[in-house]
């Protein structure tokens, strides 16, 4: 299989003269997870705060988790 790419394997990396390189921050953002439900994290945090006593979570039996 390496024989198929022998002619290109040692070529230098192409850098476009027309398009500037993307910053590492922007590149990482493309692969970062996204919030499918906007505000879900805030709501979860708020629920944790309202149901926390002495740094332990309490759950109501009637409440779905």
PDB file of N, CA and C in Angstrom:
ATOM      1  N   UNK A   1       0.813  -1.194   0.000  1.00  0.00           N
ATOM      2  CA  UNK A   1       0.000   0.000   0.000  1.00  0.00           C
ATOM      3  C   UNK A   1       0.861   1.264   0.000  1.00  0.00           C
ATOM      4  N   UNK A   2       1.980   1.249   0.688  1.00  0.00           N
ATOM      5  CA  UNK A   2       2.840   2.435   0.702  1.00  0.00           C
ATOM      6  C   UNK A   2       3.420   2.727  -0.679  1.00  0.00           C
ATOM      7  N   UNK A   3       3.491   1.710  -1.524  1.00  0.00           N
ATOM      8  CA  UNK A   3       4.008   1.925  -2.876  1.00  0.00           C
ATOM      9  C   UNK A   3       3.113   2.865  -3.677  1.00  0.00           C
ATOM     10  N   UNK A   4       1.812   2.855  -3.363  1.00  0.00           N
ATOM     11  CA  UNK A   4       0.873   3.710  -4.084  1.00  0.00           C
ATOM     12  C   UNK A   4       1.139   5.199  -3.835  1.00  0.00           C
ATOM     13  N   UNK A   5       1.644   5.525  -2.652  1.00  0.00           N
ATOM     14  CA  UNK A   5       1.829   6.928  -2.262  1.00  0.00           C
ATOM     15  C   UNK A   5       3.293   7.345  -2.203  1.00  0.00           C
ATOM     16  N   UNK A   6       4.157   6.502  -2.664  1.00  0.00           N
ATOM     17  CA  UNK A   6       5.596   6.764  -2.592  1.00  0.00           C
ATOM     18  C   UNK A   6       5.980   8.075  -3.280  1.00  0.00           C
ATOM     19  N   UNK A   7       5.291   8.436  -4.349  1.00  0.00           N
ATOM     20  CA  UNK A   7       5.650   9.642  -5.093  1.00  0.00           C
ATOM     21  C   UNK A   7       5.199  10.938  -4.401  1.00  0.00           C
ATOM     22  N   UNK A   8       4.267  10.844  -3.440  1.00  0.00           N
ATOM     23  CA  UNK A   8       3.778  12.069  -2.794  1.00  0.00           C
ATOM     24  C   UNK A   8       4.038  12.129  -1.294  1.00  0.00           C
ATOM     25  N   UNK A   9       4.501  11.048  -0.719  1.00  0.00           N
ATOM     26  CA  UNK A   9       4.612  10.968   0.739  1.00  0.00           C
ATOM     27  C   UNK A   9       5.597  11.987   1.320  1.00  0.00           C
ATOM     28  N   UNK A  10       6.625  12.357   0.606  1.00  0.00           N
ATOM     29  CA  UNK A  10       7.630  13.272   1.139  1.00  0.00           C
ATOM     30  C   UNK A  10       7.520  14.691   0.585  1.00  0.00           C
ATOM     31  N   UNK A  11       6.423  15.000  -0.067  1.00  0.00           N
ATOM     32  CA  UNK A  11       6.229  16.361  -0.582  1.00  0.00           C
ATOM     33  C   UNK A  11       5.952  17.325   0.566  1.00  0.00           C
ATOM     34  N   UNK A  12       6.352  18.595   0.426  1.00  0.00           N
ATOM     35  CA  UNK A  12       6.068  19.567   1.492  1.00  0.00           C
ATOM     36  C   UNK A  12       4.566  19.856   1.584  1.00  0.00           C
ATOM     37  N   UNK A  13       4.127  20.239   2.765  1.00  0.00           N
ATOM     38  CA  UNK A  13       2.718  20.570   3.003  1.00  0.00           C
ATOM     39  C   UNK A  13       2.330  21.798   2.195  1.00  0.00           C
ATOM     40  N   UNK A  14       1.191  21.732   1.517  1.00  0.00           N
ATOM     41  CA  UNK A  14       0.720  22.858   0.704  1.00  0.00           C
ATOM     42  C   UNK A  14       0.164  23.963   1.592  1.00  0.00           C
ATOM     43  N   UNK A  15       0.552  25.194   1.323  1.00  0.00           N
ATOM     44  CA  UNK A  15       0.010  26.366   2.008  1.00  0.00           C
ATOM     45  C   UNK A  15      -0.573  27.274   0.942  1.00  0.00           C
ATOM     46  N   UNK A  16      -1.856  27.569   1.066  1.00  0.00           N
ATOM     47  CA  UNK A  16      -2.554  28.374   0.069  1.00  0.00           C
ATOM     48  C   UNK A  16      -2.083  29.815   0.089  1.00  0.00           C
ATOM     49  N   UNK A  17      -1.922  30.388  -1.068  1.00  0.00           N
ATOM     50  CA  UNK A  17      -1.590  31.801  -1.180  1.00  0.00           C
ATOM     51  C   UNK A  17      -2.862  32.648  -1.200  1.00  0.00           C
ATOM     52  N   UNK A  18      -3.967  32.041  -1.519  1.00  0.00           N
ATOM     53  CA  UNK A  18      -5.238  32.748  -1.633  1.00  0.00           C
ATOM     54  C   UNK A  18      -6.009  32.798  -0.311  1.00  0.00           C
ATOM     55  N   UNK A  19      -6.012  31.707   0.439  1.00  0.00           N
ATOM     56  CA  UNK A  19      -6.791  31.615   1.676  1.00  0.00           C
ATOM     57  C   UNK A  19      -5.853  31.594   2.881  1.00  0.00           C
ATOM     58  N   UNK A  20      -6.034  32.504   3.829  1.00  0.00           N
ATOM     59  CA  UNK A  20      -5.175  32.492   5.022  1.00  0.00           C
ATOM     60  C   UNK A  20      -5.452  31.259   5.877  1.00  0.00           C
ATOM     61  N   UNK A  21      -4.440  30.827   6.605  1.00  0.00           N
ATOM     62  CA  UNK A  21      -4.611  29.668   7.472  1.00  0.00           C
ATOM     63  C   UNK A  21      -5.544  30.012   8.626  1.00  0.00           C
ATOM     64  N   UNK A  22      -6.347  29.055   9.015  1.00  0.00           N
ATOM     65  CA  UNK A  22      -7.276  29.235  10.118  1.00  0.00           C
ATOM     66  C   UNK A  22      -6.505  29.158  11.437  1.00  0.00           C
ATOM     67  N   UNK A  23      -6.889  29.982  12.401  1.00  0.00           N
ATOM     68  CA  UNK A  23      -6.216  29.948  13.701  1.00  0.00           C
ATOM     69  C   UNK A  23      -6.526  28.629  14.405  1.00  0.00           C
ATOM     70  N   UNK A  24      -5.659  28.234  15.327  1.00  0.00           N
ATOM     71  CA  UNK A  24      -5.885  27.001  16.070  1.00  0.00           C
ATOM     72  C   UNK A  24      -7.174  27.080  16.877  1.00  0.00           C
ATOM     73  N   UNK A  25      -7.495  28.258  17.384  1.00  0.00           N
ATOM     74  CA  UNK A  25      -8.727  28.449  18.160  1.00  0.00           C
ATOM     75  C   UNK A  25      -9.953  28.169  17.286  1.00  0.00           C
ATOM     76  N   UNK A  26      -9.961  28.741  16.079  1.00  0.00           N
ATOM     77  CA  UNK A  26     -11.091  28.526  15.170  1.00  0.00           C
ATOM     78  C   UNK A  26     -11.169  27.080  14.698  1.00  0.00           C
ATOM     79  N   UNK A  27     -10.012  26.469  14.491  1.00  0.00           N
ATOM     80  CA  UNK A  27      -9.987  25.063  14.082  1.00  0.00           C
ATOM     81  C   UNK A  27     -10.560  24.177  15.172  1.00  0.00           C
ATOM     82  N   UNK A  28     -10.161  24.444  16.405  1.00  0.00           N
ATOM     83  CA  UNK A  28     -10.652  23.650  17.537  1.00  0.00           C
ATOM     84  C   UNK A  28     -12.156  23.822  17.700  1.00  0.00           C
ATOM     85  N   UNK A  29     -12.671  25.020  17.429  1.00  0.00           N
ATOM     86  CA  UNK A  29     -14.104  25.278  17.572  1.00  0.00           C
ATOM     87  C   UNK A  29     -14.919  24.425  16.605  1.00  0.00           C
ATOM     88  N   UNK A  30     -14.358  24.074  15.471  1.00  0.00           N
ATOM     89  CA  UNK A  30     -15.071  23.239  14.510  1.00  0.00           C
ATOM     90  C   UNK A  30     -15.331  21.846  15.061  1.00  0.00           C
ATOM     91  N   UNK A  31     -14.446  21.374  15.920  1.00  0.00           N
ATOM     92  CA  UNK A  31     -14.561  20.016  16.419  1.00  0.00           C
ATOM     93  C   UNK A  31     -15.066  19.950  17.852  1.00  0.00           C
ATOM     94  N   UNK A  32     -15.308  21.094  18.461  1.00  0.00           N
ATOM     95  CA  UNK A  32     -15.799  21.132  19.836  1.00  0.00           C
ATOM     96  C   UNK A  32     -17.268  20.714  19.869  1.00  0.00           C
ATOM     97  N   UNK A  33     -17.689  20.087  20.961  1.00  0.00           N
ATOM     98  CA  UNK A  33     -19.099  19.736  21.077  1.00  0.00           C
ATOM     99  C   UNK A  33     -19.951  21.002  21.155  1.00  0.00           C
ATOM    100  N   UNK A  34     -21.178  20.904  20.701  1.00  0.00           N
ATOM    101  CA  UNK A  34     -22.063  22.046  20.741  1.00  0.00           C
ATOM    102  C   UNK A  34     -23.261  21.733  21.621  1.00  0.00           C
ATOM    103  N   UNK A  35     -23.911  22.763  22.129  1.00  0.00           N
ATOM    104  CA  UNK A  35     -25.085  22.595  22.979  1.00  0.00           C
ATOM    105  C   UNK A  35     -26.306  22.400  22.085  1.00  0.00           C
ATOM    106  N   UNK A  36     -26.795  21.186  22.012  1.00  0.00           N
ATOM    107  CA  UNK A  36     -27.961  20.905  21.174  1.00  0.00           C
ATOM    108  C   UNK A  36     -29.211  21.562  21.752  1.00  0.00           C
ATOM    109  N   UNK A  37     -29.254  21.680  23.066  1.00  0.00           N
ATOM    110  CA  UNK A  37     -30.384  22.322  23.725  1.00  0.00           C
ATOM    111  C   UNK A  37     -29.844  23.570  24.415  1.00  0.00           C
ATOM    112  N   UNK A  38     -30.138  24.730  23.850  1.00  0.00           N
ATOM    113  CA  UNK A  38     -29.640  25.976  24.412  1.00  0.00           C
ATOM    114  C   UNK A  38     -30.256  26.215  25.784  1.00  0.00           C
ATOM    115  N   UNK A  39     -29.403  26.529  26.756  1.00  0.00           N
ATOM    116  CA  UNK A  39     -29.880  26.829  28.096  1.00  0.00           C
ATOM    117  C   UNK A  39     -30.010  25.620  28.996  1.00  0.00           C
ATOM    118  N   UNK A  40     -29.789  24.420  28.459  1.00  0.00           N
ATOM    119  CA  UNK A  40     -29.932  23.216  29.269  1.00  0.00           C
ATOM    120  C   UNK A  40     -28.931  23.191  30.420  1.00  0.00           C
ATOM    121  N   UNK A  41     -27.701  23.583  30.156  1.00  0.00           N
ATOM    122  CA  UNK A  41     -26.678  23.596  31.211  1.00  0.00           C
ATOM    123  C   UNK A  41     -27.028  24.560  32.330  1.00  0.00           C
ATOM    124  N   UNK A  42     -27.558  25.735  31.975  1.00  0.00           N
ATOM    125  CA  UNK A  42     -27.960  26.713  32.983  1.00  0.00           C
ATOM    126  C   UNK A  42     -29.118  26.176  33.826  1.00  0.00           C
ATOM    127  N   UNK A  43     -30.083  25.545  33.186  1.00  0.00           N
ATOM    128  CA  UNK A  43     -31.231  24.997  33.904  1.00  0.00           C
ATOM    129  C   UNK A  43     -30.798  23.876  34.842  1.00  0.00           C
ATOM    130  N   UNK A  44     -29.887  23.042  34.380  1.00  0.00           N
ATOM    131  CA  UNK A  44     -29.387  21.954  35.210  1.00  0.00           C
ATOM    132  C   UNK A  44     -28.653  22.507  36.416  1.00  0.00           C
ATOM    133  N   UNK A  45     -27.816  23.507  36.183  1.00  0.00           N
ATOM    134  CA  UNK A  45     -27.068  24.122  37.287  1.00  0.00           C
ATOM    135  C   UNK A  45     -28.027  24.763  38.288  1.00  0.00           C
ATOM    136  N   UNK A  46     -29.060  25.418  37.791  1.00  0.00           N
ATOM    137  CA  UNK A  46     -30.044  26.053  38.669  1.00  0.00           C
ATOM    138  C   UNK A  46     -30.763  25.007  39.522  1.00  0.00           C
ATOM    139  N   UNK A  47     -31.121  23.878  38.902  1.00  0.00           N
ATOM    140  CA  UNK A  47     -31.777  22.801  39.657  1.00  0.00           C
ATOM    141  C   UNK A  47     -30.845  22.245  40.732  1.00  0.00           C
ATOM    142  N   UNK A  48     -29.569  22.109  40.416  1.00  0.00           N
ATOM    143  CA  UNK A  48     -28.605  21.619  41.405  1.00  0.00           C
ATOM    144  C   UNK A  48     -28.530  22.570  42.586  1.00  0.00           C
ATOM    145  N   UNK A  49     -28.532  23.863  42.303  1.00  0.00           N
ATOM    146  CA  UNK A  49     -28.425  24.849  43.366  1.00  0.00           C
ATOM    147  C   UNK A  49     -29.657  24.842  44.264  1.00  0.00           C
ATOM    148  N   UNK A  50     -30.840  24.658  43.684  1.00  0.00           N
ATOM    149  CA  UNK A  50     -32.065  24.693  44.487  1.00  0.00           C
ATOM    150  C   UNK A  50     -32.288  23.388  45.245  1.00  0.00           C
ATOM    151  N   UNK A  51     -31.631  22.307  44.831  1.00  0.00           N
ATOM    152  CA  UNK A  51     -31.799  21.017  45.486  1.00  0.00           C
ATOM    153  C   UNK A  51     -30.552  20.585  46.254  1.00  0.00           C
ATOM    154  N   UNK A  52     -29.703  21.525  46.610  1.00  0.00           N
ATOM    155  CA  UNK A  52     -28.482  21.193  47.317  1.00  0.00           C
ATOM    156  C   UNK A  52     -28.585  21.652  48.772  1.00  0.00           C
ATOM    157  N   UNK A  53     -28.270  20.733  49.674  1.00  0.00           N
ATOM    158  CA  UNK A  53     -28.249  21.045  51.098  1.00  0.00           C
ATOM    159  C   UNK A  53     -26.961  20.461  51.650  1.00  0.00           C
ATOM    160  N   UNK A  54     -26.170  21.298  52.290  1.00  0.00           N
ATOM    161  CA  UNK A  54     -24.901  20.857  52.873  1.00  0.00           C
ATOM    162  C   UNK A  54     -24.037  20.098  51.859  1.00  0.00           C
ATOM    163  N   UNK A  55     -23.961  20.630  50.642  1.00  0.00           N
ATOM    164  CA  UNK A  55     -23.138  20.068  49.572  1.00  0.00           C
ATOM    165  C   UNK A  55     -23.537  18.653  49.152  1.00  0.00           C
ATOM    166  N   UNK A  56     -24.755  18.218  49.494  1.00  0.00           N
ATOM    167  CA  UNK A  56     -25.242  16.925  49.036  1.00  0.00           C
ATOM    168  C   UNK A  56     -26.522  17.151  48.246  1.00  0.00           C
ATOM    169  N   UNK A  57     -26.652  16.444  47.145  1.00  0.00           N
ATOM    170  CA  UNK A  57     -27.857  16.572  46.338  1.00  0.00           C
ATOM    171  C   UNK A  57     -28.980  15.746  46.956  1.00  0.00           C
ATOM    172  N   UNK A  58     -30.170  16.332  46.971  1.00  0.00           N
ATOM    173  CA  UNK A  58     -31.356  15.569  47.378  1.00  0.00           C
ATOM    174  C   UNK A  58     -32.285  15.478  46.189  1.00  0.00           C
ATOM    175  N   UNK A  59     -32.920  14.358  46.043  1.00  0.00           N
ATOM    176  CA  UNK A  59     -33.846  14.149  44.957  1.00  0.00           C
ATOM    177  C   UNK A  59     -35.209  13.816  45.523  1.00  0.00           C
ATOM    178  N   UNK A  60     -36.228  14.466  45.002  1.00  0.00           N
ATOM    179  CA  UNK A  60     -37.595  14.165  45.397  1.00  0.00           C
ATOM    180  C   UNK A  60     -38.021  12.873  44.719  1.00  0.00           C
ATOM    181  N   UNK A  61     -38.744  12.019  45.459  1.00  0.00           N
ATOM    182  CA  UNK A  61     -39.210  10.769  44.882  1.00  0.00           C
ATOM    183  C   UNK A  61     -40.203  10.997  43.756  1.00  0.00           C
ATOM    184  N   UNK A  62     -40.964  12.078  43.828  1.00  0.00           N
ATOM    185  CA  UNK A  62     -41.977  12.363  42.818  1.00  0.00           C
ATOM    186  C   UNK A  62     -41.389  12.968  41.552  1.00  0.00           C
ATOM    187  N   UNK A  63     -40.168  13.384  41.626  1.00  0.00           N
ATOM    188  CA  UNK A  63     -39.540  14.111  40.514  1.00  0.00           C
ATOM    189  C   UNK A  63     -38.764  13.145  39.627  1.00  0.00           C
ATOM    190  N   UNK A  64     -38.947  13.268  38.311  1.00  0.00           N
ATOM    191  CA  UNK A  64     -38.177  12.454  37.376  1.00  0.00           C
ATOM    192  C   UNK A  64     -36.769  13.014  37.273  1.00  0.00           C
ATOM    193  N   UNK A  65     -35.802  12.134  37.272  1.00  0.00           N
ATOM    194  CA  UNK A  65     -34.408  12.570  37.181  1.00  0.00           C
ATOM    195  C   UNK A  65     -33.936  12.428  35.772  1.00  0.00           C
TER     196      UNK A  65
END
